[in-house]
Protein backbone atom coordinates (compact mmCIF):
# COMPACT_ATOMS: atom_id res chain seq x y z
CA MET A 1 112.68 92.38 139.54
CA MET A 2 109.22 91.48 138.37
CA ASN A 3 108.63 89.51 135.24
CA ALA A 4 108.21 91.64 131.39
CA ASN A 5 104.33 90.90 131.58
CA THR A 6 103.98 92.56 134.85
CA TYR A 7 106.47 95.46 134.56
CA ILE A 8 105.20 95.77 131.13
CA LEU A 9 101.58 96.15 132.25
CA ALA A 10 102.37 98.17 135.03
CA GLN A 11 104.01 100.87 132.50
CA LEU A 12 101.23 101.29 130.39
CA PRO A 13 99.87 104.96 130.13
CA TYR A 14 95.93 104.06 129.46
CA ARG A 15 93.03 102.76 131.62
CA GLN A 16 89.99 101.83 131.31
CA PRO A 17 87.94 102.19 129.02
CA PHE A 18 90.87 102.79 126.68
CA LEU A 19 93.42 100.28 128.13
CA PHE A 20 93.20 97.17 125.23
CA VAL A 21 96.12 94.98 126.57
CA ASP A 22 95.30 91.74 128.70
CA GLU A 23 98.72 89.93 128.74
CA ILE A 24 102.35 90.07 126.81
CA THR A 25 102.74 86.25 125.77
CA SER A 26 106.32 86.35 124.54
CA VAL A 27 108.85 89.94 124.01
CA THR A 28 112.25 90.22 123.17
CA GLU A 29 114.19 93.40 121.82
CA ASN A 30 112.66 92.85 118.25
CA GLU A 31 109.55 91.45 118.55
CA ILE A 32 106.29 91.32 121.07
CA THR A 33 103.36 89.14 121.32
CA GLY A 34 100.12 90.01 123.15
CA ASN A 35 96.20 89.64 123.84
CA TYR A 36 93.10 91.19 124.22
CA ARG A 37 89.46 90.14 124.55
CA LEU A 38 87.17 92.14 123.29
CA PRO A 39 84.19 92.44 125.99
CA GLU A 40 80.69 91.98 125.12
CA ASP A 41 79.72 95.30 126.75
CA ALA A 42 82.40 97.43 125.28
CA TYR A 43 81.06 101.07 124.82
CA PHE A 44 82.00 101.32 121.15
CA TYR A 45 79.79 98.22 120.26
CA GLN A 46 76.58 100.06 121.17
CA GLY A 47 76.78 102.04 117.81
CA HIS A 48 78.31 100.11 115.71
CA PHE A 49 76.64 98.44 114.07
CA LYS A 50 72.67 98.52 114.70
CA ASP A 51 71.79 95.23 116.01
CA PHE A 52 75.33 93.61 114.35
CA PRO A 53 78.00 94.37 116.87
CA ILE A 54 81.26 94.64 114.98
CA THR A 55 84.49 95.97 116.02
CA PRO A 56 85.73 99.28 114.79
CA GLY A 57 88.83 99.52 112.56
CA VAL A 58 90.07 102.49 114.99
CA ILE A 59 89.49 99.97 117.75
CA HIS A 60 91.80 97.45 116.01
CA THR A 61 94.55 99.90 115.07
CA GLU A 62 94.52 101.03 118.79
CA ILE A 63 95.25 97.39 120.10
CA MET A 64 97.57 96.87 117.46
CA ALA A 65 99.64 100.16 118.59
CA GLN A 66 99.22 99.52 122.47
CA ILE A 67 100.72 96.09 122.06
CA GLY A 68 102.85 96.16 119.17
CA VAL A 69 104.46 99.93 119.68
CA VAL A 70 103.84 101.12 123.31
CA CYS A 71 104.56 97.91 124.83
CA LEU A 72 107.50 96.91 122.68
CA GLY A 73 108.33 100.72 122.92
CA ILE A 74 108.36 99.83 127.11
CA TYR A 75 110.06 96.90 126.98
CA ILE A 76 113.01 98.26 124.44
CA ASN A 77 113.63 101.46 126.75
CA HIS A 78 112.38 100.29 130.01
CA ASN A 79 113.62 103.68 131.78
CA ALA A 80 111.22 105.51 129.49
CA LEU A 81 108.30 106.48 131.68
CA TYR A 82 111.05 106.70 134.79
CA ASN A 83 112.59 109.29 132.66
CA ASN A 84 109.28 111.39 132.00
CA LYS A 85 108.58 110.08 128.26
CA ILE A 86 105.65 107.63 126.60
CA CYS A 87 105.37 106.35 123.47
CA VAL A 88 102.85 108.07 121.40
CA LEU A 89 101.51 107.10 118.23
CA THR A 90 103.09 108.52 115.12
CA SER A 91 101.90 107.10 112.08
CA THR A 92 100.01 104.26 110.49
CA GLU A 93 99.08 102.19 107.38
CA ILE A 94 96.83 99.46 107.90
CA ASN A 95 95.07 97.03 106.00
CA PHE A 96 92.02 95.48 107.35
CA LEU A 97 90.89 92.00 106.10
CA LYS A 98 88.05 90.29 108.43
CA PRO A 99 86.22 91.87 111.20
CA SER A 100 86.23 91.12 115.04
CA PHE A 101 82.86 90.66 117.37
CA PRO A 102 82.53 91.04 120.87
CA GLY A 103 83.98 88.14 123.15
CA ASP A 104 86.54 87.91 120.20
CA LYS A 105 90.17 87.31 121.27
CA LEU A 106 92.59 88.60 119.77
CA THR A 107 96.30 88.31 119.66
CA VAL A 108 98.84 90.80 117.94
CA LYS A 109 102.24 89.84 116.57
CA SER A 110 104.93 93.00 116.28
CA LYS A 111 108.43 93.01 114.92
CA LYS A 112 110.38 95.95 114.86
CA VAL A 113 111.89 97.36 111.89
CA TYR A 114 114.07 99.85 113.70
CA PHE A 115 114.32 101.69 116.92
CA ARG A 116 116.62 104.66 116.83
CA PHE A 117 116.63 108.54 118.09
CA ASP A 118 113.50 107.47 120.35
CA LYS A 119 111.41 106.55 117.19
CA LEU A 120 110.13 103.05 117.03
CA LYS A 121 108.62 101.33 113.47
CA CYS A 122 106.80 98.09 113.73
CA ASP A 123 105.49 95.67 110.78
CA VAL A 124 102.25 94.82 113.43
CA SER A 125 99.54 91.85 112.79
CA LEU A 126 96.38 91.07 114.54
CA PHE A 127 95.00 87.34 114.33
CA ASN A 128 91.69 85.94 115.82
CA GLU A 129 92.08 82.86 117.87
CA SER A 130 91.23 80.63 114.50
CA GLY A 131 94.44 82.19 113.52
CA ASP A 132 92.87 84.09 110.92
CA VAL A 133 94.80 87.92 109.98
CA LEU A 134 92.27 90.41 110.69
CA ALA A 135 94.63 93.57 109.88
CA ARG A 136 98.19 93.98 109.16
CA GLY A 137 100.33 97.16 108.53
CA SER A 138 102.90 99.17 110.15
CA ILE A 139 102.76 101.46 112.98
CA SER A 140 105.13 103.67 114.43
CA GLY A 141 106.13 105.81 117.56
CA MET A 142 107.67 107.88 119.24
CA LEU A 143 109.12 108.58 122.85
CA THR A 144 108.08 111.74 124.04
CA ASP A 145 108.38 113.98 127.07
CA PHE A 146 105.68 113.55 129.48
CA ASN A 147 105.09 115.07 132.71
CA PRO A 148 101.33 114.26 133.72
CA ASN A 149 101.79 117.20 136.66
CA GLU A 150 102.38 119.81 134.20
């Protein structure tokens, strides 16, 4: 059997340019930590902001959701994709505290609040390499039927 990092990354339903997970550094049934390095030439920096690129908050939210909820959901329910289910975002409540910039390596730390009835809610924080908290809040997702061939 492959390790958790390799398994989780192989199950992710995202591809470039909308894949925001480089690695999972630790995972248990109750929490997950992972990283993503922001590419200096990422498409979203072209217009956010003119002559001073800052990572959009929606990208911070997506990084937090992909690592903190989808990856944890895959680990908790490792048969989800084999059962034609996928974890989708249902709600967020995020406070943005500091910006990030092209080339920054970001770390997501997520703790499960609950997982029941195919719904996962997590408290999620986003950090830069200096350990500064860039964003934090709660994100919820749920497993839903998914069949890409239909």
